[in-house]
């Protein structure tokens, strides 16, 4: 049976604090970029048809 450390090495072979922080920063930037683009779409709506 694998110990807790051994199981973690099998599931996450190269998990480091730097890698986790870098991944979180990338996800945050991607969501912020999509929100920024979507907000521009909502602000500049075409006029309704008459």
PDB file of N, CA and C in Angstrom:
ATOM      1  N   UNK A   1       0.841  -1.181   0.000  1.00  0.00           N
ATOM      2  CA  UNK A   1       0.000   0.000   0.000  1.00  0.00           C
ATOM      3  C   UNK A   1       0.888   1.248   0.000  1.00  0.00           C
ATOM      4  N   UNK A   2       0.486   2.229  -0.772  1.00  0.00           N
ATOM      5  CA  UNK A   2       1.262   3.462  -0.866  1.00  0.00           C
ATOM      6  C   UNK A   2       1.022   4.345   0.355  1.00  0.00           C
ATOM      7  N   UNK A   3       2.073   4.989   0.772  1.00  0.00           N
ATOM      8  CA  UNK A   3       1.914   5.966   1.847  1.00  0.00           C
ATOM      9  C   UNK A   3       1.288   7.233   1.265  1.00  0.00           C
ATOM     10  N   UNK A   4       0.978   8.159   2.115  1.00  0.00           N
ATOM     11  CA  UNK A   4       0.349   9.395   1.655  1.00  0.00           C
ATOM     12  C   UNK A   4       1.265  10.167   0.707  1.00  0.00           C
ATOM     13  N   UNK A   5       2.540  10.233   1.019  1.00  0.00           N
ATOM     14  CA  UNK A   5       3.497  10.925   0.157  1.00  0.00           C
ATOM     15  C   UNK A   5       3.663  10.193  -1.170  1.00  0.00           C
ATOM     16  N   UNK A   6       3.706   8.873  -1.125  1.00  0.00           N
ATOM     17  CA  UNK A   6       3.838   8.094  -2.350  1.00  0.00           C
ATOM     18  C   UNK A   6       2.630   8.247  -3.253  1.00  0.00           C
ATOM     19  N   UNK A   7       1.446   8.271  -2.651  1.00  0.00           N
ATOM     20  CA  UNK A   7       0.227   8.454  -3.435  1.00  0.00           C
ATOM     21  C   UNK A   7       0.203   9.839  -4.079  1.00  0.00           C
ATOM     22  N   UNK A   8       0.657  10.842  -3.341  1.00  0.00           N
ATOM     23  CA  UNK A   8       0.704  12.191  -3.900  1.00  0.00           C
ATOM     24  C   UNK A   8       1.686  12.252  -5.067  1.00  0.00           C
ATOM     25  N   UNK A   9       2.797  11.556  -4.967  1.00  0.00           N
ATOM     26  CA  UNK A   9       3.770  11.547  -6.075  1.00  0.00           C
ATOM     27  C   UNK A   9       3.201  10.865  -7.307  1.00  0.00           C
ATOM     28  N   UNK A  10       2.357   9.849  -7.117  1.00  0.00           N
ATOM     29  CA  UNK A  10       1.752   9.162  -8.258  1.00  0.00           C
ATOM     30  C   UNK A  10       0.704  10.056  -8.919  1.00  0.00           C
ATOM     31  N   UNK A  11      -0.124  10.732  -8.109  1.00  0.00           N
ATOM     32  CA  UNK A  11      -1.194  11.556  -8.663  1.00  0.00           C
ATOM     33  C   UNK A  11      -0.688  12.887  -9.201  1.00  0.00           C
ATOM     34  N   UNK A  12       0.220  13.533  -8.492  1.00  0.00           N
ATOM     35  CA  UNK A  12       0.766  14.835  -8.881  1.00  0.00           C
ATOM     36  C   UNK A  12       2.286  14.735  -8.886  1.00  0.00           C
ATOM     37  N   UNK A  13       2.876  14.304  -9.996  1.00  0.00           N
ATOM     38  CA  UNK A  13       4.318  14.034  -9.979  1.00  0.00           C
ATOM     39  C   UNK A  13       5.190  15.261  -9.734  1.00  0.00           C
ATOM     40  N   UNK A  14       4.824  16.413 -10.266  1.00  0.00           N
ATOM     41  CA  UNK A  14       5.697  17.582 -10.139  1.00  0.00           C
ATOM     42  C   UNK A  14       4.929  18.766  -9.556  1.00  0.00           C
ATOM     43  N   UNK A  15       4.223  18.541  -8.486  1.00  0.00           N
ATOM     44  CA  UNK A  15       3.431  19.603  -7.882  1.00  0.00           C
ATOM     45  C   UNK A  15       4.310  20.448  -6.973  1.00  0.00           C
ATOM     46  N   UNK A  16       4.429  21.712  -7.307  1.00  0.00           N
ATOM     47  CA  UNK A  16       5.201  22.627  -6.473  1.00  0.00           C
ATOM     48  C   UNK A  16       4.368  23.879  -6.230  1.00  0.00           C
ATOM     49  N   UNK A  17       4.734  24.639  -5.229  1.00  0.00           N
ATOM     50  CA  UNK A  17       3.995  25.854  -4.897  1.00  0.00           C
ATOM     51  C   UNK A  17       4.049  26.851  -6.050  1.00  0.00           C
ATOM     52  N   UNK A  18       5.196  26.971  -6.698  1.00  0.00           N
ATOM     53  CA  UNK A  18       5.330  27.888  -7.832  1.00  0.00           C
ATOM     54  C   UNK A  18       4.380  27.503  -8.962  1.00  0.00           C
ATOM     55  N   UNK A  19       4.267  26.223  -9.240  1.00  0.00           N
ATOM     56  CA  UNK A  19       3.405  25.757 -10.322  1.00  0.00           C
ATOM     57  C   UNK A  19       1.934  26.013 -10.004  1.00  0.00           C
ATOM     58  N   UNK A  20       1.546  25.821  -8.754  1.00  0.00           N
ATOM     59  CA  UNK A  20       0.162  26.072  -8.349  1.00  0.00           C
ATOM     60  C   UNK A  20      -0.158  27.559  -8.475  1.00  0.00           C
ATOM     61  N   UNK A  21       0.744  28.418  -8.006  1.00  0.00           N
ATOM     62  CA  UNK A  21       0.525  29.865  -8.085  1.00  0.00           C
ATOM     63  C   UNK A  21       0.481  30.321  -9.535  1.00  0.00           C
ATOM     64  N   UNK A  22       1.351  29.781 -10.368  1.00  0.00           N
ATOM     65  CA  UNK A  22       1.358  30.132 -11.784  1.00  0.00           C
ATOM     66  C   UNK A  22       0.054  29.703 -12.459  1.00  0.00           C
ATOM     67  N   UNK A  23      -0.445  28.537 -12.139  1.00  0.00           N
ATOM     68  CA  UNK A  23      -1.710  28.066 -12.706  1.00  0.00           C
ATOM     69  C   UNK A  23      -2.874  28.944 -12.264  1.00  0.00           C
ATOM     70  N   UNK A  24      -2.908  29.299 -10.987  1.00  0.00           N
ATOM     71  CA  UNK A  24      -3.981  30.166 -10.491  1.00  0.00           C
ATOM     72  C   UNK A  24      -3.927  31.543 -11.145  1.00  0.00           C
ATOM     73  N   UNK A  25      -2.733  32.075 -11.347  1.00  0.00           N
ATOM     74  CA  UNK A  25      -2.589  33.375 -12.002  1.00  0.00           C
ATOM     75  C   UNK A  25      -3.059  33.303 -13.451  1.00  0.00           C
ATOM     76  N   UNK A  26      -2.751  32.215 -14.139  1.00  0.00           N
ATOM     77  CA  UNK A  26      -3.189  32.057 -15.525  1.00  0.00           C
ATOM     78  C   UNK A  26      -4.706  31.968 -15.610  1.00  0.00           C
ATOM     79  N   UNK A  27      -5.326  31.192 -14.734  1.00  0.00           N
ATOM     80  CA  UNK A  27      -6.787  31.059 -14.737  1.00  0.00           C
ATOM     81  C   UNK A  27      -7.435  32.404 -14.417  1.00  0.00           C
ATOM     82  N   UNK A  28      -6.899  33.129 -13.444  1.00  0.00           N
ATOM     83  CA  UNK A  28      -7.431  34.445 -13.077  1.00  0.00           C
ATOM     84  C   UNK A  28      -7.342  35.406 -14.262  1.00  0.00           C
ATOM     85  N   UNK A  29      -6.203  35.420 -14.950  1.00  0.00           N
ATOM     86  CA  UNK A  29      -6.024  36.313 -16.096  1.00  0.00           C
ATOM     87  C   UNK A  29      -6.962  35.932 -17.242  1.00  0.00           C
ATOM     88  N   UNK A  30      -7.160  34.646 -17.473  1.00  0.00           N
ATOM     89  CA  UNK A  30      -8.054  34.208 -18.544  1.00  0.00           C
ATOM     90  C   UNK A  30      -9.498  34.613 -18.255  1.00  0.00           C
ATOM     91  N   UNK A  31      -9.947  34.417 -17.029  1.00  0.00           N
ATOM     92  CA  UNK A  31     -11.319  34.800 -16.665  1.00  0.00           C
ATOM     93  C   UNK A  31     -11.481  36.316 -16.732  1.00  0.00           C
ATOM     94  N   UNK A  32     -10.485  37.068 -16.283  1.00  0.00           N
ATOM     95  CA  UNK A  32     -10.554  38.530 -16.346  1.00  0.00           C
ATOM     96  C   UNK A  32     -10.604  39.008 -17.797  1.00  0.00           C
ATOM     97  N   UNK A  33      -9.824  38.387 -18.672  1.00  0.00           N
ATOM     98  CA  UNK A  33      -9.846  38.761 -20.085  1.00  0.00           C
ATOM     99  C   UNK A  33     -11.189  38.482 -20.736  1.00  0.00           C
ATOM    100  N   UNK A  34     -11.770  37.329 -20.439  1.00  0.00           N
ATOM    101  CA  UNK A  34     -13.090  37.015 -20.994  1.00  0.00           C
ATOM    102  C   UNK A  34     -14.158  37.965 -20.454  1.00  0.00           C
ATOM    103  N   UNK A  35     -14.089  38.296 -19.178  1.00  0.00           N
ATOM    104  CA  UNK A  35     -15.058  39.233 -18.600  1.00  0.00           C
ATOM    105  C   UNK A  35     -14.916  40.612 -19.237  1.00  0.00           C
ATOM    106  N   UNK A  36     -13.693  41.027 -19.508  1.00  0.00           N
ATOM    107  CA  UNK A  36     -13.452  42.328 -20.140  1.00  0.00           C
ATOM    108  C   UNK A  36     -14.052  42.365 -21.550  1.00  0.00           C
ATOM    109  N   UNK A  37     -13.824  41.309 -22.326  1.00  0.00           N
ATOM    110  CA  UNK A  37     -14.374  41.263 -23.679  1.00  0.00           C
ATOM    111  C   UNK A  37     -15.895  41.185 -23.660  1.00  0.00           C
ATOM    112  N   UNK A  38     -16.449  40.420 -22.740  1.00  0.00           N
ATOM    113  CA  UNK A  38     -17.902  40.293 -22.660  1.00  0.00           C
ATOM    114  C   UNK A  38     -18.536  41.610 -22.216  1.00  0.00           C
ATOM    115  N   UNK A  39     -17.877  42.345 -21.327  1.00  0.00           N
ATOM    116  CA  UNK A  39     -18.400  43.639 -20.885  1.00  0.00           C
ATOM    117  C   UNK A  39     -18.452  44.616 -22.055  1.00  0.00           C
ATOM    118  N   UNK A  40     -17.447  44.608 -22.910  1.00  0.00           N
ATOM    119  CA  UNK A  40     -17.468  45.478 -24.089  1.00  0.00           C
ATOM    120  C   UNK A  40     -18.624  45.112 -25.016  1.00  0.00           C
ATOM    121  N   UNK A  41     -18.920  43.829 -25.133  1.00  0.00           N
ATOM    122  CA  UNK A  41     -20.057  43.408 -25.950  1.00  0.00           C
ATOM    123  C   UNK A  41     -21.366  43.926 -25.372  1.00  0.00           C
ATOM    124  N   UNK A  42     -21.476  43.947 -24.060  1.00  0.00           N
ATOM    125  CA  UNK A  42     -22.714  44.387 -23.427  1.00  0.00           C
ATOM    126  C   UNK A  42     -22.866  45.906 -23.493  1.00  0.00           C
ATOM    127  N   UNK A  43     -21.760  46.642 -23.441  1.00  0.00           N
ATOM    128  CA  UNK A  43     -21.832  48.110 -23.464  1.00  0.00           C
ATOM    129  C   UNK A  43     -22.225  48.609 -24.851  1.00  0.00           C
ATOM    130  N   UNK A  44     -21.620  48.054 -25.880  1.00  0.00           N
ATOM    131  CA  UNK A  44     -21.823  48.538 -27.240  1.00  0.00           C
ATOM    132  C   UNK A  44     -22.813  47.657 -27.992  1.00  0.00           C
ATOM    133  N   UNK A  45     -24.036  47.578 -27.482  1.00  0.00           N
ATOM    134  CA  UNK A  45     -25.079  46.799 -28.152  1.00  0.00           C
ATOM    135  C   UNK A  45     -25.607  47.578 -29.361  1.00  0.00           C
ATOM    136  N   UNK A  46     -25.992  46.881 -30.414  1.00  0.00           N
ATOM    137  CA  UNK A  46     -26.583  47.593 -31.548  1.00  0.00           C
ATOM    138  C   UNK A  46     -27.967  48.127 -31.162  1.00  0.00           C
ATOM    139  N   UNK A  47     -28.411  49.179 -31.835  1.00  0.00           N
ATOM    140  CA  UNK A  47     -29.741  49.714 -31.506  1.00  0.00           C
ATOM    141  C   UNK A  47     -30.830  48.701 -31.865  1.00  0.00           C
ATOM    142  N   UNK A  48     -31.919  48.697 -31.112  1.00  0.00           N
ATOM    143  CA  UNK A  48     -32.996  47.743 -31.413  1.00  0.00           C
ATOM    144  C   UNK A  48     -33.668  48.094 -32.744  1.00  0.00           C
ATOM    145  N   UNK A  49     -34.151  47.100 -33.456  1.00  0.00           N
ATOM    146  CA  UNK A  49     -34.828  47.387 -34.728  1.00  0.00           C
ATOM    147  C   UNK A  49     -36.155  48.115 -34.470  1.00  0.00           C
ATOM    148  N   UNK A  50     -36.501  48.986 -35.394  1.00  0.00           N
ATOM    149  CA  UNK A  50     -37.748  49.748 -35.210  1.00  0.00           C
ATOM    150  C   UNK A  50     -38.868  49.215 -36.057  1.00  0.00           C
TER     151      UNK A  50
END
